[in-house]
Amino acid sequence: MIIAPIHIDTPVCTVESFSERTGLTQRTVENYVRAGRIPIMPKQGRAEKVLINLVLYTQQAMNQPGLEPVPAPVRRPKVSRKQRDESHV
């Protein structure tokens, strides 16, 4: 497991702000919220503004299957043609 620091400037944001941050349209964000794909803070009433829970959204993104760390590629040291030719003698 890799532990990496993540900075979230605010734990919640509005639909409008989330739309700007992600590049999704506001309608798409609203549809994703309605479908449960984007977590929101509990609301007290229908007129209350929707606040997207960025902390939970980040946790969900980090727990996606298939996000295991990829091993770094093994690189061979560069060898000049002259060095290669000399080693085969």
N, C-alpha and C. Protein backbone atom coordinates (compact mmCIF):
# COMPACT_ATOMS: atom_id res chain seq x y z
N MET A 1 0.83 -1.16 0.00
CA MET A 1 0.00 0.00 0.00
C MET A 1 0.89 1.24 0.00
N ILE A 2 0.56 2.17 -0.86
CA ILE A 2 1.30 3.42 -0.94
C ILE A 2 0.53 4.48 -0.17
N ILE A 3 1.24 5.20 0.67
CA ILE A 3 0.63 6.30 1.40
C ILE A 3 1.22 7.59 0.83
N ALA A 4 0.33 8.41 0.29
CA ALA A 4 0.78 9.67 -0.30
C ALA A 4 -0.05 10.81 0.26
N PRO A 5 0.59 11.91 0.59
CA PRO A 5 -0.19 13.04 1.09
C PRO A 5 -1.04 13.66 -0.02
N ILE A 6 -2.27 13.98 0.32
CA ILE A 6 -3.17 14.62 -0.62
C ILE A 6 -3.70 15.87 0.05
N HIS A 7 -3.65 16.97 -0.66
CA HIS A 7 -4.13 18.23 -0.10
C HIS A 7 -5.50 18.54 -0.69
N ILE A 8 -6.49 18.66 0.17
CA ILE A 8 -7.83 19.07 -0.25
C ILE A 8 -8.06 20.43 0.40
N ASP A 9 -8.21 21.46 -0.41
CA ASP A 9 -8.30 22.81 0.13
C ASP A 9 -9.58 23.06 0.92
N THR A 10 -10.62 22.31 0.65
CA THR A 10 -11.87 22.42 1.39
C THR A 10 -12.55 21.05 1.36
N PRO A 11 -13.20 20.62 2.45
CA PRO A 11 -13.80 19.29 2.48
C PRO A 11 -15.08 19.16 1.65
N VAL A 12 -15.73 20.29 1.35
CA VAL A 12 -16.96 20.27 0.55
C VAL A 12 -16.90 21.39 -0.47
N CYS A 13 -17.72 21.26 -1.53
CA CYS A 13 -17.84 22.34 -2.50
C CYS A 13 -19.21 22.25 -3.16
N THR A 14 -19.59 23.32 -3.81
CA THR A 14 -20.88 23.37 -4.50
C THR A 14 -20.80 22.63 -5.83
N VAL A 15 -21.95 22.41 -6.42
CA VAL A 15 -22.01 21.78 -7.74
C VAL A 15 -21.27 22.64 -8.75
N GLU A 16 -21.45 23.95 -8.64
CA GLU A 16 -20.81 24.87 -9.58
C GLU A 16 -19.28 24.79 -9.47
N SER A 17 -18.78 24.79 -8.24
CA SER A 17 -17.34 24.70 -8.02
C SER A 17 -16.79 23.36 -8.50
N PHE A 18 -17.50 22.28 -8.20
CA PHE A 18 -17.07 20.94 -8.64
C PHE A 18 -17.03 20.87 -10.16
N SER A 19 -18.01 21.48 -10.79
CA SER A 19 -18.06 21.52 -12.24
C SER A 19 -16.83 22.23 -12.81
N GLU A 20 -16.47 23.35 -12.23
CA GLU A 20 -15.28 24.09 -12.68
C GLU A 20 -14.01 23.29 -12.45
N ARG A 21 -13.92 22.63 -11.30
CA ARG A 21 -12.71 21.87 -10.97
C ARG A 21 -12.50 20.68 -11.89
N THR A 22 -13.59 20.01 -12.26
CA THR A 22 -13.47 18.77 -13.02
C THR A 22 -13.65 18.93 -14.52
N GLY A 23 -14.24 20.05 -14.93
CA GLY A 23 -14.49 20.23 -16.36
C GLY A 23 -15.79 19.59 -16.82
N LEU A 24 -16.54 19.01 -15.88
CA LEU A 24 -17.85 18.45 -16.22
C LEU A 24 -18.88 19.57 -16.23
N THR A 25 -19.93 19.41 -17.01
CA THR A 25 -20.98 20.41 -17.00
C THR A 25 -21.75 20.29 -15.69
N GLN A 26 -22.42 21.38 -15.31
CA GLN A 26 -23.20 21.35 -14.08
C GLN A 26 -24.32 20.32 -14.18
N ARG A 27 -24.91 20.18 -15.34
CA ARG A 27 -25.98 19.19 -15.52
C ARG A 27 -25.44 17.78 -15.30
N THR A 28 -24.24 17.50 -15.82
CA THR A 28 -23.64 16.17 -15.64
C THR A 28 -23.37 15.91 -14.16
N VAL A 29 -22.83 16.92 -13.46
CA VAL A 29 -22.57 16.76 -12.03
C VAL A 29 -23.88 16.50 -11.29
N GLU A 30 -24.92 17.25 -11.60
CA GLU A 30 -26.23 17.04 -10.96
C GLU A 30 -26.75 15.64 -11.24
N ASN A 31 -26.59 15.15 -12.46
CA ASN A 31 -27.03 13.79 -12.80
C ASN A 31 -26.23 12.75 -12.02
N TYR A 32 -24.92 12.96 -11.89
CA TYR A 32 -24.07 12.02 -11.14
C TYR A 32 -24.45 12.03 -9.66
N VAL A 33 -24.77 13.20 -9.12
CA VAL A 33 -25.21 13.29 -7.73
C VAL A 33 -26.51 12.51 -7.55
N ARG A 34 -27.46 12.75 -8.45
CA ARG A 34 -28.76 12.07 -8.37
C ARG A 34 -28.59 10.55 -8.47
N ALA A 35 -27.63 10.10 -9.28
CA ALA A 35 -27.40 8.67 -9.47
C ALA A 35 -26.55 8.06 -8.34
N GLY A 36 -26.02 8.92 -7.46
CA GLY A 36 -25.20 8.41 -6.36
C GLY A 36 -23.73 8.22 -6.71
N ARG A 37 -23.31 8.71 -7.85
CA ARG A 37 -21.91 8.55 -8.27
C ARG A 37 -20.99 9.58 -7.62
N ILE A 38 -21.56 10.69 -7.15
CA ILE A 38 -20.81 11.72 -6.45
C ILE A 38 -21.46 11.90 -5.08
N PRO A 39 -20.70 11.69 -3.99
CA PRO A 39 -21.29 11.79 -2.65
C PRO A 39 -21.52 13.24 -2.23
N ILE A 40 -22.63 13.46 -1.53
CA ILE A 40 -22.95 14.80 -1.03
C ILE A 40 -23.15 14.76 0.48
N MET A 41 -23.11 15.93 1.07
CA MET A 41 -23.39 16.05 2.50
C MET A 41 -24.90 15.92 2.71
N PRO A 42 -25.33 15.38 3.85
CA PRO A 42 -26.77 15.28 4.11
C PRO A 42 -27.42 16.67 4.12
N LYS A 43 -28.61 16.74 3.54
CA LYS A 43 -29.35 18.00 3.50
C LYS A 43 -30.48 17.97 4.52
N GLN A 44 -30.79 19.13 5.09
CA GLN A 44 -31.87 19.26 6.06
C GLN A 44 -33.21 19.51 5.38
N GLY A 45 -33.18 20.10 4.21
CA GLY A 45 -34.42 20.39 3.50
C GLY A 45 -34.18 20.47 2.01
N ARG A 46 -35.26 20.48 1.24
CA ARG A 46 -35.14 20.50 -0.22
C ARG A 46 -34.48 21.77 -0.73
N ALA A 47 -34.69 22.89 -0.02
CA ALA A 47 -34.16 24.17 -0.49
C ALA A 47 -32.67 24.35 -0.17
N GLU A 48 -32.13 23.48 0.66
CA GLU A 48 -30.72 23.60 1.04
C GLU A 48 -29.82 23.28 -0.15
N LYS A 49 -28.75 24.03 -0.28
CA LYS A 49 -27.81 23.87 -1.39
C LYS A 49 -27.08 22.53 -1.28
N VAL A 50 -26.85 21.90 -2.42
CA VAL A 50 -26.11 20.63 -2.48
C VAL A 50 -24.63 20.92 -2.28
N LEU A 51 -24.02 20.22 -1.32
CA LEU A 51 -22.58 20.33 -1.08
C LEU A 51 -21.94 18.97 -1.33
N ILE A 52 -21.01 18.94 -2.24
CA ILE A 52 -20.33 17.69 -2.60
C ILE A 52 -19.24 17.42 -1.58
N ASN A 53 -19.21 16.18 -1.08
CA ASN A 53 -18.25 15.74 -0.09
C ASN A 53 -16.96 15.32 -0.80
N LEU A 54 -16.00 16.24 -0.88
CA LEU A 54 -14.75 15.97 -1.60
C LEU A 54 -13.88 14.94 -0.89
N VAL A 55 -13.95 14.88 0.43
CA VAL A 55 -13.15 13.91 1.17
C VAL A 55 -13.59 12.49 0.82
N LEU A 56 -14.89 12.24 0.88
CA LEU A 56 -15.41 10.92 0.54
C LEU A 56 -15.19 10.59 -0.93
N TYR A 57 -15.36 11.58 -1.79
CA TYR A 57 -15.13 11.39 -3.23
C TYR A 57 -13.68 10.98 -3.48
N THR A 58 -12.73 11.62 -2.79
CA THR A 58 -11.31 11.29 -2.95
C THR A 58 -11.03 9.88 -2.44
N GLN A 59 -11.62 9.53 -1.29
CA GLN A 59 -11.43 8.17 -0.76
C GLN A 59 -11.96 7.13 -1.73
N GLN A 60 -13.12 7.37 -2.31
CA GLN A 60 -13.68 6.43 -3.27
C GLN A 60 -12.77 6.29 -4.49
N ALA A 61 -12.23 7.41 -4.94
CA ALA A 61 -11.34 7.37 -6.11
C ALA A 61 -10.07 6.58 -5.80
N MET A 62 -9.55 6.74 -4.59
CA MET A 62 -8.32 6.03 -4.22
C MET A 62 -8.54 4.54 -4.02
N ASN A 63 -9.76 4.13 -3.74
CA ASN A 63 -10.06 2.72 -3.50
C ASN A 63 -10.57 2.00 -4.74
N GLN A 64 -10.44 2.60 -5.89
CA GLN A 64 -10.86 1.96 -7.13
C GLN A 64 -10.05 0.69 -7.36
N PRO A 65 -10.69 -0.38 -7.80
CA PRO A 65 -9.91 -1.59 -8.12
C PRO A 65 -9.01 -1.33 -9.32
N GLY A 66 -7.87 -1.98 -9.31
CA GLY A 66 -6.95 -1.84 -10.43
C GLY A 66 -6.00 -0.67 -10.29
N LEU A 67 -5.98 -0.04 -9.12
CA LEU A 67 -5.06 1.09 -8.93
C LEU A 67 -3.84 0.67 -8.11
N GLU A 68 -3.45 -0.58 -8.25
CA GLU A 68 -2.26 -1.03 -7.55
C GLU A 68 -1.05 -0.34 -8.16
N PRO A 69 -0.04 -0.10 -7.35
CA PRO A 69 1.14 0.57 -7.89
C PRO A 69 1.80 -0.26 -8.98
N VAL A 70 2.26 0.41 -9.99
CA VAL A 70 2.95 -0.26 -11.10
C VAL A 70 4.44 -0.20 -10.82
N PRO A 71 5.13 -1.35 -10.90
CA PRO A 71 6.56 -1.32 -10.64
C PRO A 71 7.29 -0.46 -11.67
N ALA A 72 8.32 0.20 -11.23
CA ALA A 72 9.11 1.03 -12.14
C ALA A 72 9.82 0.15 -13.14
N PRO A 73 9.91 0.59 -14.38
CA PRO A 73 10.60 -0.23 -15.38
C PRO A 73 12.08 -0.35 -15.06
N VAL A 74 12.64 -1.51 -15.37
CA VAL A 74 14.07 -1.73 -15.16
C VAL A 74 14.78 -1.20 -16.39
N ARG A 75 15.68 -0.31 -16.17
CA ARG A 75 16.42 0.29 -17.30
C ARG A 75 17.85 -0.23 -17.29
N ARG A 76 18.26 -0.61 -18.47
CA ARG A 76 19.64 -1.05 -18.61
C ARG A 76 20.53 0.18 -18.78
N PRO A 77 21.73 0.11 -18.24
CA PRO A 77 22.63 1.25 -18.44
C PRO A 77 22.97 1.38 -19.92
N LYS A 78 23.09 2.62 -20.38
CA LYS A 78 23.43 2.84 -21.78
C LYS A 78 24.88 2.45 -22.01
N VAL A 79 25.08 1.70 -23.07
CA VAL A 79 26.41 1.24 -23.43
C VAL A 79 26.68 1.69 -24.85
N SER A 80 27.80 2.31 -25.05
CA SER A 80 28.13 2.79 -26.40
C SER A 80 28.46 1.59 -27.29
N ARG A 81 28.42 1.83 -28.57
CA ARG A 81 28.73 0.77 -29.53
C ARG A 81 30.16 0.30 -29.34
N LYS A 82 31.06 1.22 -29.05
CA LYS A 82 32.47 0.87 -28.84
C LYS A 82 32.59 -0.05 -27.63
N GLN A 83 31.90 0.26 -26.53
CA GLN A 83 31.96 -0.58 -25.34
C GLN A 83 31.39 -1.96 -25.64
N ARG A 84 30.28 -2.00 -26.42
CA ARG A 84 29.68 -3.29 -26.77
C ARG A 84 30.63 -4.12 -27.60
N ASP A 85 31.27 -3.49 -28.60
CA ASP A 85 32.20 -4.21 -29.47
C ASP A 85 33.40 -4.74 -28.69
N GLU A 86 33.87 -3.94 -27.72
CA GLU A 86 35.03 -4.37 -26.92
C GLU A 86 34.67 -5.53 -25.99
N SER A 87 33.44 -5.58 -25.54
CA SER A 87 33.07 -6.64 -24.62
C SER A 87 32.89 -7.99 -25.32
N HIS A 88 32.70 -7.97 -26.63
CA HIS A 88 32.51 -9.22 -27.38
C HIS A 88 33.83 -9.78 -27.89
N VAL A 89 34.93 -9.15 -27.57
CA VAL A 89 36.23 -9.60 -28.07
C VAL A 89 36.76 -10.69 -27.22
